[in-house]
Amino acid sequence: MLWSIFEKASPIERLIVRKVCTRLQTCVDTMYNKIDEICFGPHFGPIEVKYEKDVVRYQGDTDCSVYRLFRQPLQRPAVVKNVDHIELAIRDLSIPFRNPKLRDNFPIECFLNCRGLTLVHWSFINAVTIIRFIGIIQTSSVLESFLVKKYDSDQLIKAIRGGGRPLWNGVETRPESCIFKIPIANSDKFWKLDLNGKMVHLKRQ
């Protein structure tokens, strides 16, 4: 009976209801809460999570304010005392991802069912890690777009070019363009990897 009721609720409403009691928490945690996109940046700026048609913004270092964007009329944010926005966002994300340790290391594997993922202010991620992220992202059948701040730019481009044999069987669209087409197995689509600008952008096309 509870399942049929919560099935009609939005993912955000489920997150609110699960805090009422243990029984409701168990019921909500067994349901699929669809996440379309996450804009996640450590320690700097807000974190935004898009659940279907709703966007939740977490903001604040000492006390976290939680905004539900695009809701009319606009309402005052809920304020959670003595918790920063990263901790609270990850606490909520750990429910659908079933992973309470998201803060220890960035587990990009947990985000493969999102439609889009943007890592902002992660300028410390080196070329090796970015290449690992790109390789993992390509295994997703759902994710459409991935952006991450570019670091070690020259080393990253050199590694991906692979001395004339680009990684992942990619093809540079033209010499020195820094744009690669990467084939997707058993599909007529491909990944476009754009290394121009300040962000690395991987997009399904």
N, C-alpha and C. Protein backbone atom coordinates (compact mmCIF):
# COMPACT_ATOMS: atom_id res chain seq x y z
N MET A 1 0.83 -1.20 0.00
CA MET A 1 0.00 0.00 0.00
C MET A 1 0.87 1.26 0.00
N LEU A 2 1.90 1.27 0.86
CA LEU A 2 2.79 2.43 0.91
C LEU A 2 3.49 2.63 -0.43
N TRP A 3 3.88 1.53 -1.05
CA TRP A 3 4.57 1.62 -2.34
C TRP A 3 3.69 2.33 -3.37
N SER A 4 2.40 1.96 -3.43
CA SER A 4 1.50 2.56 -4.41
C SER A 4 1.31 4.05 -4.15
N ILE A 5 1.39 4.46 -2.89
CA ILE A 5 1.26 5.88 -2.56
C ILE A 5 2.51 6.65 -2.97
N PHE A 6 3.68 6.13 -2.58
CA PHE A 6 4.93 6.83 -2.86
C PHE A 6 5.31 6.79 -4.33
N GLU A 7 4.74 5.83 -5.06
CA GLU A 7 5.03 5.73 -6.48
C GLU A 7 4.57 6.98 -7.23
N LYS A 8 3.54 7.64 -6.70
CA LYS A 8 3.00 8.85 -7.33
C LYS A 8 3.72 10.12 -6.85
N ALA A 9 4.55 9.98 -5.83
CA ALA A 9 5.25 11.14 -5.28
C ALA A 9 6.51 11.43 -6.08
N SER A 10 6.96 12.68 -6.03
CA SER A 10 8.21 13.04 -6.69
C SER A 10 9.38 12.54 -5.85
N PRO A 11 10.56 12.39 -6.46
CA PRO A 11 11.73 11.96 -5.68
C PRO A 11 12.02 12.87 -4.50
N ILE A 12 11.79 14.17 -4.65
CA ILE A 12 12.04 15.10 -3.55
C ILE A 12 11.07 14.84 -2.41
N GLU A 13 9.81 14.62 -2.73
CA GLU A 13 8.81 14.33 -1.70
C GLU A 13 9.15 13.03 -0.97
N ARG A 14 9.70 12.07 -1.69
CA ARG A 14 10.09 10.81 -1.04
C ARG A 14 11.23 11.04 -0.05
N LEU A 15 12.18 11.90 -0.42
CA LEU A 15 13.30 12.20 0.48
C LEU A 15 12.81 12.85 1.77
N ILE A 16 11.77 13.67 1.65
CA ILE A 16 11.21 14.33 2.84
C ILE A 16 10.48 13.31 3.72
N VAL A 17 9.65 12.48 3.09
CA VAL A 17 8.83 11.52 3.83
C VAL A 17 9.67 10.48 4.55
N ARG A 18 10.79 10.08 3.96
CA ARG A 18 11.60 9.00 4.54
C ARG A 18 12.16 9.37 5.92
N LYS A 19 12.16 10.66 6.25
CA LYS A 19 12.71 11.10 7.53
C LYS A 19 11.70 10.99 8.68
N VAL A 20 10.46 10.59 8.35
CA VAL A 20 9.41 10.53 9.36
C VAL A 20 9.62 9.37 10.33
N CYS A 21 9.87 8.18 9.79
CA CYS A 21 10.06 7.01 10.65
C CYS A 21 10.82 5.93 9.89
N THR A 22 11.26 4.92 10.61
CA THR A 22 12.07 3.85 10.02
C THR A 22 11.32 3.09 8.94
N ARG A 23 10.03 2.85 9.16
CA ARG A 23 9.24 2.09 8.20
C ARG A 23 9.15 2.81 6.85
N LEU A 24 8.90 4.12 6.91
CA LEU A 24 8.82 4.89 5.68
C LEU A 24 10.20 4.99 5.02
N GLN A 25 11.23 5.09 5.83
CA GLN A 25 12.58 5.15 5.29
C GLN A 25 12.90 3.89 4.50
N THR A 26 12.55 2.73 5.05
CA THR A 26 12.81 1.46 4.37
C THR A 26 12.05 1.38 3.06
N CYS A 27 10.81 1.83 3.07
CA CYS A 27 9.99 1.78 1.86
C CYS A 27 10.57 2.68 0.76
N VAL A 28 10.92 3.90 1.12
CA VAL A 28 11.45 4.85 0.14
C VAL A 28 12.79 4.38 -0.41
N ASP A 29 13.62 3.81 0.46
CA ASP A 29 14.96 3.40 0.04
C ASP A 29 14.96 2.25 -0.95
N THR A 30 13.85 1.53 -1.04
CA THR A 30 13.77 0.42 -2.00
C THR A 30 13.21 0.87 -3.34
N MET A 31 12.85 2.15 -3.45
CA MET A 31 12.28 2.66 -4.69
C MET A 31 13.37 3.31 -5.54
N TYR A 32 13.11 3.41 -6.82
CA TYR A 32 14.05 4.05 -7.74
C TYR A 32 13.73 5.54 -7.81
N ASN A 33 14.68 6.36 -7.41
CA ASN A 33 14.52 7.80 -7.47
C ASN A 33 15.34 8.33 -8.64
N LYS A 34 14.68 8.71 -9.69
CA LYS A 34 15.36 9.08 -10.92
C LYS A 34 16.09 10.42 -10.78
N ILE A 35 17.38 10.41 -11.07
CA ILE A 35 18.19 11.62 -11.07
C ILE A 35 18.63 11.88 -12.50
N ASP A 36 18.34 13.08 -13.00
CA ASP A 36 18.68 13.41 -14.38
C ASP A 36 20.05 14.07 -14.51
N GLU A 37 20.40 14.90 -13.54
CA GLU A 37 21.66 15.64 -13.69
C GLU A 37 22.16 16.12 -12.34
N ILE A 38 23.48 16.17 -12.21
CA ILE A 38 24.11 16.64 -10.98
C ILE A 38 25.20 17.64 -11.35
N CYS A 39 25.17 18.79 -10.71
CA CYS A 39 26.25 19.76 -10.84
C CYS A 39 26.93 19.81 -9.48
N PHE A 40 28.13 19.24 -9.40
CA PHE A 40 28.75 18.93 -8.12
C PHE A 40 30.12 19.58 -8.05
N GLY A 41 30.34 20.46 -7.07
CA GLY A 41 31.64 21.10 -6.91
C GLY A 41 32.04 21.09 -5.45
N PRO A 42 33.24 20.60 -5.11
CA PRO A 42 33.63 20.48 -3.71
C PRO A 42 33.98 21.82 -3.10
N HIS A 43 33.30 22.17 -2.02
CA HIS A 43 33.63 23.32 -1.18
C HIS A 43 33.33 24.67 -1.81
N PHE A 44 33.12 24.74 -3.12
CA PHE A 44 32.91 26.03 -3.77
C PHE A 44 31.53 26.06 -4.41
N GLY A 45 30.74 27.04 -4.01
CA GLY A 45 29.46 27.23 -4.66
C GLY A 45 28.46 26.14 -4.34
N PRO A 46 27.25 26.31 -4.86
CA PRO A 46 26.17 25.37 -4.56
C PRO A 46 26.30 24.05 -5.31
N ILE A 47 25.58 23.06 -4.84
CA ILE A 47 25.44 21.78 -5.53
C ILE A 47 23.99 21.69 -5.98
N GLU A 48 23.78 21.34 -7.24
CA GLU A 48 22.42 21.24 -7.76
C GLU A 48 22.16 19.81 -8.25
N VAL A 49 21.02 19.29 -7.87
CA VAL A 49 20.61 17.94 -8.28
C VAL A 49 19.25 18.05 -8.95
N LYS A 50 19.16 17.55 -10.18
CA LYS A 50 17.89 17.60 -10.91
C LYS A 50 17.19 16.26 -10.82
N TYR A 51 16.03 16.27 -10.17
CA TYR A 51 15.18 15.08 -10.07
C TYR A 51 14.01 15.29 -11.02
N GLU A 52 14.05 14.63 -12.17
CA GLU A 52 12.98 14.76 -13.15
C GLU A 52 12.74 16.25 -13.45
N LYS A 53 11.61 16.82 -13.03
CA LYS A 53 11.31 18.21 -13.36
C LYS A 53 11.74 19.20 -12.28
N ASP A 54 12.22 18.71 -11.17
CA ASP A 54 12.60 19.58 -10.06
C ASP A 54 14.11 19.67 -9.93
N VAL A 55 14.57 20.82 -9.45
CA VAL A 55 15.99 21.01 -9.17
C VAL A 55 16.14 21.42 -7.72
N VAL A 56 17.00 20.72 -7.00
CA VAL A 56 17.28 21.04 -5.60
C VAL A 56 18.68 21.63 -5.52
N ARG A 57 18.78 22.78 -4.87
CA ARG A 57 20.08 23.43 -4.69
C ARG A 57 20.47 23.41 -3.22
N TYR A 58 21.70 22.94 -2.96
CA TYR A 58 22.26 22.92 -1.61
C TYR A 58 23.31 24.03 -1.53
N GLN A 59 23.20 24.88 -0.52
CA GLN A 59 24.09 26.03 -0.46
C GLN A 59 24.36 26.41 0.99
N GLY A 60 25.63 26.70 1.31
CA GLY A 60 25.98 27.15 2.65
C GLY A 60 27.03 26.28 3.30
N ASP A 61 28.04 26.90 3.90
CA ASP A 61 29.16 26.16 4.48
C ASP A 61 28.92 25.73 5.92
N THR A 62 28.24 26.57 6.71
CA THR A 62 28.00 26.25 8.12
C THR A 62 26.61 25.68 8.33
N ASP A 63 25.61 26.43 7.88
CA ASP A 63 24.23 25.94 7.87
C ASP A 63 23.81 25.82 6.42
N CYS A 64 23.25 24.68 6.05
CA CYS A 64 22.91 24.43 4.65
C CYS A 64 21.48 24.87 4.35
N SER A 65 21.34 25.72 3.34
CA SER A 65 20.02 26.10 2.84
C SER A 65 19.68 25.23 1.64
N VAL A 66 18.48 24.68 1.63
CA VAL A 66 18.05 23.80 0.54
C VAL A 66 16.90 24.48 -0.19
N TYR A 67 17.14 24.78 -1.47
CA TYR A 67 16.15 25.45 -2.29
C TYR A 67 15.55 24.47 -3.29
N ARG A 68 14.28 24.60 -3.52
CA ARG A 68 13.62 23.85 -4.59
C ARG A 68 13.36 24.84 -5.72
N LEU A 69 14.20 24.78 -6.76
CA LEU A 69 14.13 25.75 -7.83
C LEU A 69 12.95 25.48 -8.77
N PHE A 70 12.57 26.51 -9.48
CA PHE A 70 11.51 26.44 -10.50
C PHE A 70 10.15 26.10 -9.91
N ARG A 71 10.02 26.24 -8.60
CA ARG A 71 8.72 26.02 -7.99
C ARG A 71 8.05 27.37 -7.78
N GLN A 72 6.83 27.50 -8.23
CA GLN A 72 6.10 28.76 -8.13
C GLN A 72 4.90 28.59 -7.20
N PRO A 73 4.66 29.55 -6.29
CA PRO A 73 5.54 30.69 -6.02
C PRO A 73 6.79 30.25 -5.27
N LEU A 74 7.86 31.04 -5.40
CA LEU A 74 9.10 30.71 -4.73
C LEU A 74 8.91 30.72 -3.22
N GLN A 75 9.49 29.75 -2.55
CA GLN A 75 9.35 29.64 -1.11
C GLN A 75 10.70 29.82 -0.43
N ARG A 76 10.64 30.12 0.85
CA ARG A 76 11.88 30.25 1.61
C ARG A 76 12.57 28.89 1.69
N PRO A 77 13.89 28.88 1.68
CA PRO A 77 14.60 27.59 1.72
C PRO A 77 14.48 26.92 3.08
N ALA A 78 14.59 25.61 3.06
CA ALA A 78 14.72 24.87 4.32
C ALA A 78 16.17 24.99 4.77
N VAL A 79 16.38 25.23 6.06
CA VAL A 79 17.73 25.41 6.58
C VAL A 79 18.06 24.27 7.54
N VAL A 80 19.16 23.59 7.26
CA VAL A 80 19.61 22.50 8.13
C VAL A 80 20.84 23.01 8.88
N LYS A 81 20.73 23.08 10.19
CA LYS A 81 21.78 23.66 11.02
C LYS A 81 22.99 22.72 11.15
N ASN A 82 24.14 23.35 11.26
CA ASN A 82 25.40 22.65 11.59
C ASN A 82 25.77 21.55 10.59
N VAL A 83 25.48 21.79 9.33
CA VAL A 83 25.90 20.84 8.29
C VAL A 83 26.18 21.64 7.03
N ASP A 84 27.28 21.34 6.34
CA ASP A 84 27.57 22.08 5.12
C ASP A 84 26.85 21.46 3.93
N HIS A 85 26.84 22.20 2.82
CA HIS A 85 26.05 21.78 1.66
C HIS A 85 26.56 20.49 1.04
N ILE A 86 27.86 20.25 1.11
CA ILE A 86 28.41 19.02 0.53
C ILE A 86 27.94 17.80 1.30
N GLU A 87 28.05 17.89 2.62
CA GLU A 87 27.65 16.76 3.45
C GLU A 87 26.18 16.42 3.28
N LEU A 88 25.32 17.46 3.26
CA LEU A 88 23.89 17.21 3.16
C LEU A 88 23.51 16.68 1.78
N ALA A 89 24.11 17.24 0.73
CA ALA A 89 23.81 16.77 -0.63
C ALA A 89 24.21 15.32 -0.80
N ILE A 90 25.39 14.97 -0.31
CA ILE A 90 25.87 13.59 -0.44
C ILE A 90 25.04 12.65 0.43
N ARG A 91 24.60 13.15 1.56
CA ARG A 91 23.73 12.33 2.42
C ARG A 91 22.44 11.97 1.68
N ASP A 92 21.86 12.96 0.98
CA ASP A 92 20.65 12.69 0.21
C ASP A 92 20.93 11.82 -1.01
N LEU A 93 22.07 12.09 -1.67
CA LEU A 93 22.41 11.29 -2.85
C LEU A 93 22.74 9.85 -2.50
N SER A 94 23.22 9.63 -1.28
CA SER A 94 23.59 8.28 -0.89
C SER A 94 22.36 7.37 -0.78
N ILE A 95 21.18 7.98 -0.74
CA ILE A 95 19.95 7.17 -0.66
C ILE A 95 19.71 6.44 -1.98
N PRO A 96 19.58 7.16 -3.12
CA PRO A 96 19.40 6.40 -4.36
C PRO A 96 20.64 5.65 -4.80
N PHE A 97 21.83 6.14 -4.42
CA PHE A 97 23.05 5.47 -4.85
C PHE A 97 23.47 4.36 -3.90
N ARG A 98 22.82 4.26 -2.74
CA ARG A 98 23.15 3.23 -1.74
C ARG A 98 24.64 3.27 -1.39
N ASN A 99 25.18 4.47 -1.26
CA ASN A 99 26.62 4.58 -0.99
C ASN A 99 26.86 5.67 0.04
N PRO A 100 27.05 5.32 1.32
CA PRO A 100 27.22 6.33 2.37
C PRO A 100 28.62 6.94 2.42
N LYS A 101 29.53 6.50 1.54
CA LYS A 101 30.91 6.98 1.61
C LYS A 101 31.30 7.80 0.39
N LEU A 102 30.33 8.51 -0.19
CA LEU A 102 30.62 9.25 -1.41
C LEU A 102 31.66 10.34 -1.20
N ARG A 103 31.80 10.84 0.04
CA ARG A 103 32.68 11.97 0.25
C ARG A 103 34.15 11.57 0.30
N ASP A 104 34.43 10.31 0.59
CA ASP A 104 35.82 9.88 0.74
C ASP A 104 36.58 9.96 -0.58
N ASN A 105 36.02 9.41 -1.63
CA ASN A 105 36.60 9.47 -2.96
C ASN A 105 35.47 9.69 -3.93
N PHE A 106 35.76 10.40 -5.04
CA PHE A 106 34.67 10.67 -5.96
C PHE A 106 34.38 9.41 -6.78
N PRO A 107 33.26 8.75 -6.51
CA PRO A 107 32.95 7.48 -7.17
C PRO A 107 32.15 7.71 -8.44
N ILE A 108 32.83 8.01 -9.51
CA ILE A 108 32.12 8.38 -10.73
C ILE A 108 31.23 7.25 -11.24
N GLU A 109 31.55 6.02 -10.86
CA GLU A 109 30.73 4.88 -11.28
C GLU A 109 29.30 5.00 -10.79
N CYS A 110 29.10 5.72 -9.68
CA CYS A 110 27.76 5.84 -9.10
C CYS A 110 26.85 6.77 -9.90
N PHE A 111 27.43 7.51 -10.85
CA PHE A 111 26.67 8.53 -11.56
C PHE A 111 26.37 8.14 -13.01
N LEU A 112 26.57 6.87 -13.34
CA LEU A 112 26.39 6.45 -14.72
C LEU A 112 24.93 6.44 -15.16
N ASN A 113 23.99 6.49 -14.22
CA ASN A 113 22.58 6.52 -14.59
C ASN A 113 22.01 7.93 -14.63
N CYS A 114 22.88 8.93 -14.50
CA CYS A 114 22.46 10.32 -14.66
C CYS A 114 22.51 10.68 -16.14
N ARG A 115 21.72 11.65 -16.54
CA ARG A 115 21.77 12.11 -17.93
C ARG A 115 22.93 13.07 -18.16
N GLY A 116 23.31 13.80 -17.13
CA GLY A 116 24.41 14.74 -17.27
C GLY A 116 25.16 14.89 -15.96
N LEU A 117 26.47 15.10 -16.04
CA LEU A 117 27.29 15.26 -14.85
C LEU A 117 28.33 16.35 -15.12
N THR A 118 28.37 17.34 -14.23
CA THR A 118 29.34 18.43 -14.34
C THR A 118 30.11 18.54 -13.04
N LEU A 119 31.43 18.49 -13.12
CA LEU A 119 32.28 18.67 -11.95
C LEU A 119 32.94 20.04 -12.06
N VAL A 120 32.50 20.97 -11.22
CA VAL A 120 33.05 22.32 -11.26
C VAL A 120 34.01 22.51 -10.11
N HIS A 121 35.03 23.34 -10.33
CA HIS A 121 36.05 23.66 -9.32
C HIS A 121 36.88 22.44 -8.94
N TRP A 122 36.91 21.41 -9.79
CA TRP A 122 37.77 20.25 -9.52
C TRP A 122 39.06 20.41 -10.31
N SER A 123 39.72 21.53 -10.14
CA SER A 123 40.90 21.84 -10.94
C SER A 123 42.11 21.00 -10.56
N PHE A 124 42.02 20.26 -9.45
CA PHE A 124 43.16 19.46 -9.00
C PHE A 124 43.17 18.07 -9.63
N ILE A 125 42.16 17.72 -10.42
CA ILE A 125 42.11 16.39 -11.02
C ILE A 125 43.16 16.31 -12.13
N ASN A 126 44.08 15.37 -12.03
CA ASN A 126 45.15 15.28 -13.01
C ASN A 126 44.70 14.56 -14.27
N ALA A 127 45.59 14.55 -15.26
CA ALA A 127 45.26 13.98 -16.57
C ALA A 127 44.91 12.50 -16.48
N VAL A 128 45.63 11.76 -15.66
CA VAL A 128 45.39 10.32 -15.52
C VAL A 128 43.97 10.06 -15.01
N THR A 129 43.55 10.84 -14.02
CA THR A 129 42.22 10.66 -13.44
C THR A 129 41.14 11.05 -14.44
N ILE A 130 41.34 12.15 -15.17
CA ILE A 130 40.35 12.57 -16.16
C ILE A 130 40.20 11.49 -17.24
N ILE A 131 41.31 10.91 -17.67
CA ILE A 131 41.24 9.84 -18.67
C ILE A 131 40.47 8.64 -18.12
N ARG A 132 40.71 8.33 -16.85
CA ARG A 132 39.96 7.22 -16.23
C ARG A 132 38.48 7.54 -16.19
N PHE A 133 38.13 8.78 -15.83
CA PHE A 133 36.73 9.19 -15.79
C PHE A 133 36.08 9.04 -17.17
N ILE A 134 36.78 9.52 -18.21
CA ILE A 134 36.23 9.46 -19.56
C ILE A 134 35.98 8.01 -19.98
N GLY A 135 36.93 7.14 -19.64
CA GLY A 135 36.76 5.73 -19.97
C GLY A 135 35.55 5.11 -19.29
N ILE A 136 35.34 5.46 -18.03
CA ILE A 136 34.20 4.92 -17.28
C ILE A 136 32.89 5.48 -17.81
N ILE A 137 32.86 6.78 -18.08
CA ILE A 137 31.65 7.43 -18.58
C ILE A 137 31.16 6.76 -19.85
N GLN A 138 32.08 6.32 -20.69
CA GLN A 138 31.70 5.72 -21.97
C GLN A 138 30.96 4.39 -21.81
N THR A 139 31.01 3.81 -20.63
CA THR A 139 30.29 2.55 -20.39
C THR A 139 28.82 2.78 -20.08
N SER A 140 28.44 4.04 -19.87
CA SER A 140 27.05 4.36 -19.54
C SER A 140 26.18 4.35 -20.80
N SER A 141 25.01 3.76 -20.69
CA SER A 141 24.04 3.80 -21.79
C SER A 141 23.03 4.92 -21.60
N VAL A 142 23.17 5.67 -20.51
CA VAL A 142 22.20 6.71 -20.16
C VAL A 142 22.81 8.11 -20.27
N LEU A 143 24.01 8.28 -19.74
CA LEU A 143 24.60 9.60 -19.63
C LEU A 143 24.84 10.23 -21.00
N GLU A 144 24.45 11.49 -21.13
CA GLU A 144 24.56 12.19 -22.40
C GLU A 144 25.71 13.19 -22.43
N SER A 145 26.06 13.75 -21.26
CA SER A 145 27.05 14.81 -21.26
C SER A 145 27.85 14.78 -19.96
N PHE A 146 29.16 14.98 -20.09
CA PHE A 146 30.06 15.02 -18.94
C PHE A 146 31.04 16.17 -19.12
N LEU A 147 31.13 17.04 -18.10
CA LEU A 147 32.08 18.14 -18.13
C LEU A 147 32.91 18.14 -16.86
N VAL A 148 34.20 18.43 -17.02
CA VAL A 148 35.09 18.52 -15.87
C VAL A 148 36.16 19.57 -16.16
N LYS A 149 36.59 20.27 -15.12
CA LYS A 149 37.61 21.30 -15.29
C LYS A 149 38.90 20.66 -15.78
N LYS A 150 39.50 21.28 -16.79
CA LYS A 150 40.71 20.72 -17.40
C LYS A 150 41.94 21.09 -16.58
N TYR A 151 42.79 20.10 -16.36
CA TYR A 151 44.02 20.28 -15.59
C TYR A 151 45.12 19.53 -16.33
N ASP A 152 46.35 20.00 -16.23
CA ASP A 152 47.45 19.37 -16.98
C ASP A 152 47.08 19.27 -18.46
N SER A 153 46.68 20.40 -19.03
CA SER A 153 46.11 20.41 -20.37
C SER A 153 47.00 19.75 -21.41
N ASP A 154 48.27 20.15 -21.48
CA ASP A 154 49.18 19.60 -22.49
C ASP A 154 49.37 18.10 -22.31
N GLN A 155 49.53 17.68 -21.07
CA GLN A 155 49.72 16.25 -20.79
C GLN A 155 48.47 15.46 -21.15
N LEU A 156 47.30 16.03 -20.87
CA LEU A 156 46.04 15.36 -21.17
C LEU A 156 45.88 15.16 -22.68
N ILE A 157 46.09 16.22 -23.44
CA ILE A 157 45.92 16.13 -24.89
C ILE A 157 46.93 15.15 -25.49
N LYS A 158 48.17 15.22 -25.02
CA LYS A 158 49.21 14.32 -25.52
C LYS A 158 48.85 12.86 -25.24
N ALA A 159 48.35 12.60 -24.04
CA ALA A 159 48.01 11.22 -23.67
C ALA A 159 46.85 10.70 -24.51
N ILE A 160 45.85 11.54 -24.76
CA ILE A 160 44.69 11.10 -25.53
C ILE A 160 45.06 10.89 -27.00
N ARG A 161 45.95 11.72 -27.52
CA ARG A 161 46.38 11.53 -28.91
C ARG A 161 47.16 10.23 -29.08
N GLY A 162 47.81 9.80 -28.03
CA GLY A 162 48.46 8.50 -28.03
C GLY A 162 49.51 8.31 -29.10
N GLY A 163 50.24 9.37 -29.44
CA GLY A 163 51.29 9.24 -30.45
C GLY A 163 50.76 8.88 -31.82
N GLY A 164 49.57 9.36 -32.16
CA GLY A 164 48.99 9.07 -33.47
C GLY A 164 47.92 8.00 -33.45
N ARG A 165 47.77 7.34 -32.32
CA ARG A 165 46.72 6.33 -32.16
C ARG A 165 45.89 6.71 -30.94
N PRO A 166 44.92 7.60 -31.14
CA PRO A 166 44.15 8.13 -30.00
C PRO A 166 43.49 7.03 -29.17
N LEU A 167 43.32 7.33 -27.90
CA LEU A 167 42.66 6.40 -26.99
C LEU A 167 41.23 6.12 -27.45
N TRP A 168 40.72 4.97 -27.05
CA TRP A 168 39.33 4.54 -27.30
C TRP A 168 38.99 4.51 -28.80
N ASN A 169 40.01 4.29 -29.64
CA ASN A 169 39.81 4.25 -31.10
C ASN A 169 39.24 5.55 -31.63
N GLY A 170 39.57 6.64 -30.95
CA GLY A 170 39.08 7.94 -31.37
C GLY A 170 39.79 8.46 -32.61
N VAL A 171 39.16 9.44 -33.24
CA VAL A 171 39.73 10.09 -34.42
C VAL A 171 39.64 11.60 -34.21
N GLU A 172 40.78 12.29 -34.32
CA GLU A 172 40.76 13.74 -34.20
C GLU A 172 40.14 14.32 -35.47
N THR A 173 39.16 15.19 -35.31
CA THR A 173 38.38 15.66 -36.45
C THR A 173 39.25 16.35 -37.50
N ARG A 174 40.27 17.04 -37.06
CA ARG A 174 41.27 17.61 -37.96
C ARG A 174 42.53 17.85 -37.15
N PRO A 175 43.69 17.95 -37.79
CA PRO A 175 44.94 18.10 -37.05
C PRO A 175 44.90 19.28 -36.08
N GLU A 176 45.31 19.00 -34.85
CA GLU A 176 45.41 20.01 -33.80
C GLU A 176 44.06 20.62 -33.41
N SER A 177 42.96 19.97 -33.76
CA SER A 177 41.65 20.53 -33.42
C SER A 177 41.29 20.31 -31.95
N CYS A 178 41.90 19.28 -31.33
CA CYS A 178 41.61 18.91 -29.94
C CYS A 178 40.16 18.46 -29.77
N ILE A 179 39.55 18.02 -30.86
CA ILE A 179 38.19 17.47 -30.83
C ILE A 179 38.26 16.07 -31.42
N PHE A 180 37.74 15.09 -30.67
CA PHE A 180 37.84 13.70 -31.08
C PHE A 180 36.45 13.08 -31.20
N LYS A 181 36.30 12.22 -32.20
CA LYS A 181 35.10 11.40 -32.34
C LYS A 181 35.45 9.99 -31.87
N ILE A 182 34.70 9.52 -30.88
CA ILE A 182 34.97 8.20 -30.30
C ILE A 182 33.78 7.29 -30.60
N PRO A 183 33.99 6.20 -31.30
CA PRO A 183 32.86 5.32 -31.65
C PRO A 183 32.23 4.67 -30.43
N ILE A 184 30.93 4.44 -30.52
CA ILE A 184 30.19 3.72 -29.50
C ILE A 184 29.84 2.34 -30.06
N ALA A 185 30.24 1.31 -29.37
CA ALA A 185 30.04 -0.05 -29.86
C ALA A 185 28.57 -0.35 -30.11
N ASN A 186 28.30 -1.02 -31.22
CA ASN A 186 26.94 -1.45 -31.58
C ASN A 186 25.97 -0.28 -31.66
N SER A 187 26.45 0.85 -32.15
CA SER A 187 25.61 2.04 -32.26
C SER A 187 26.09 2.89 -33.41
N ASP A 188 25.15 3.64 -34.02
CA ASP A 188 25.54 4.58 -35.06
C ASP A 188 25.88 5.94 -34.48
N LYS A 189 25.81 6.06 -33.16
CA LYS A 189 26.18 7.30 -32.49
C LYS A 189 27.65 7.25 -32.09
N PHE A 190 28.14 8.39 -31.60
CA PHE A 190 29.53 8.46 -31.17
C PHE A 190 29.65 9.47 -30.03
N TRP A 191 30.78 9.40 -29.34
CA TRP A 191 31.10 10.39 -28.32
C TRP A 191 31.92 11.51 -28.96
N LYS A 192 31.56 12.74 -28.68
CA LYS A 192 32.38 13.87 -29.09
C LYS A 192 33.16 14.35 -27.87
N LEU A 193 34.47 14.28 -27.94
CA LEU A 193 35.34 14.71 -26.85
C LEU A 193 36.00 16.02 -27.25
N ASP A 194 35.63 17.09 -26.57
CA ASP A 194 36.13 18.43 -26.89
C ASP A 194 37.08 18.88 -25.78
N LEU A 195 38.34 19.08 -26.15
CA LEU A 195 39.35 19.49 -25.17
C LEU A 195 39.72 20.96 -25.30
N ASN A 196 38.95 21.70 -26.07
CA ASN A 196 39.17 23.14 -26.17
C ASN A 196 38.57 23.84 -24.96
N GLY A 197 39.06 25.00 -24.66
CA GLY A 197 38.51 25.76 -23.54
C GLY A 197 38.99 25.26 -22.20
N LYS A 198 38.32 25.72 -21.14
CA LYS A 198 38.74 25.39 -19.78
C LYS A 198 38.16 24.08 -19.27
N MET A 199 37.16 23.56 -19.99
CA MET A 199 36.50 22.34 -19.55
C MET A 199 36.71 21.22 -20.56
N VAL A 200 36.83 20.01 -20.06
CA VAL A 200 36.77 18.82 -20.91
C VAL A 200 35.30 18.47 -21.07
N HIS A 201 34.84 18.32 -22.30
CA HIS A 201 33.43 18.05 -22.55
C HIS A 201 33.28 16.79 -23.38
N LEU A 202 32.64 15.79 -22.79
CA LEU A 202 32.32 14.55 -23.48
C LEU A 202 30.82 14.51 -23.70
N LYS A 203 30.40 14.40 -24.96
CA LYS A 203 28.97 14.46 -25.27
C LYS A 203 28.59 13.37 -26.25
N ARG A 204 27.48 12.71 -25.96
CA ARG A 204 26.97 11.67 -26.86
C ARG A 204 26.26 12.34 -28.04
N GLN A 205 26.58 11.91 -29.25
CA GLN A 205 25.95 12.51 -30.43
C GLN A 205 25.52 11.44 -31.42
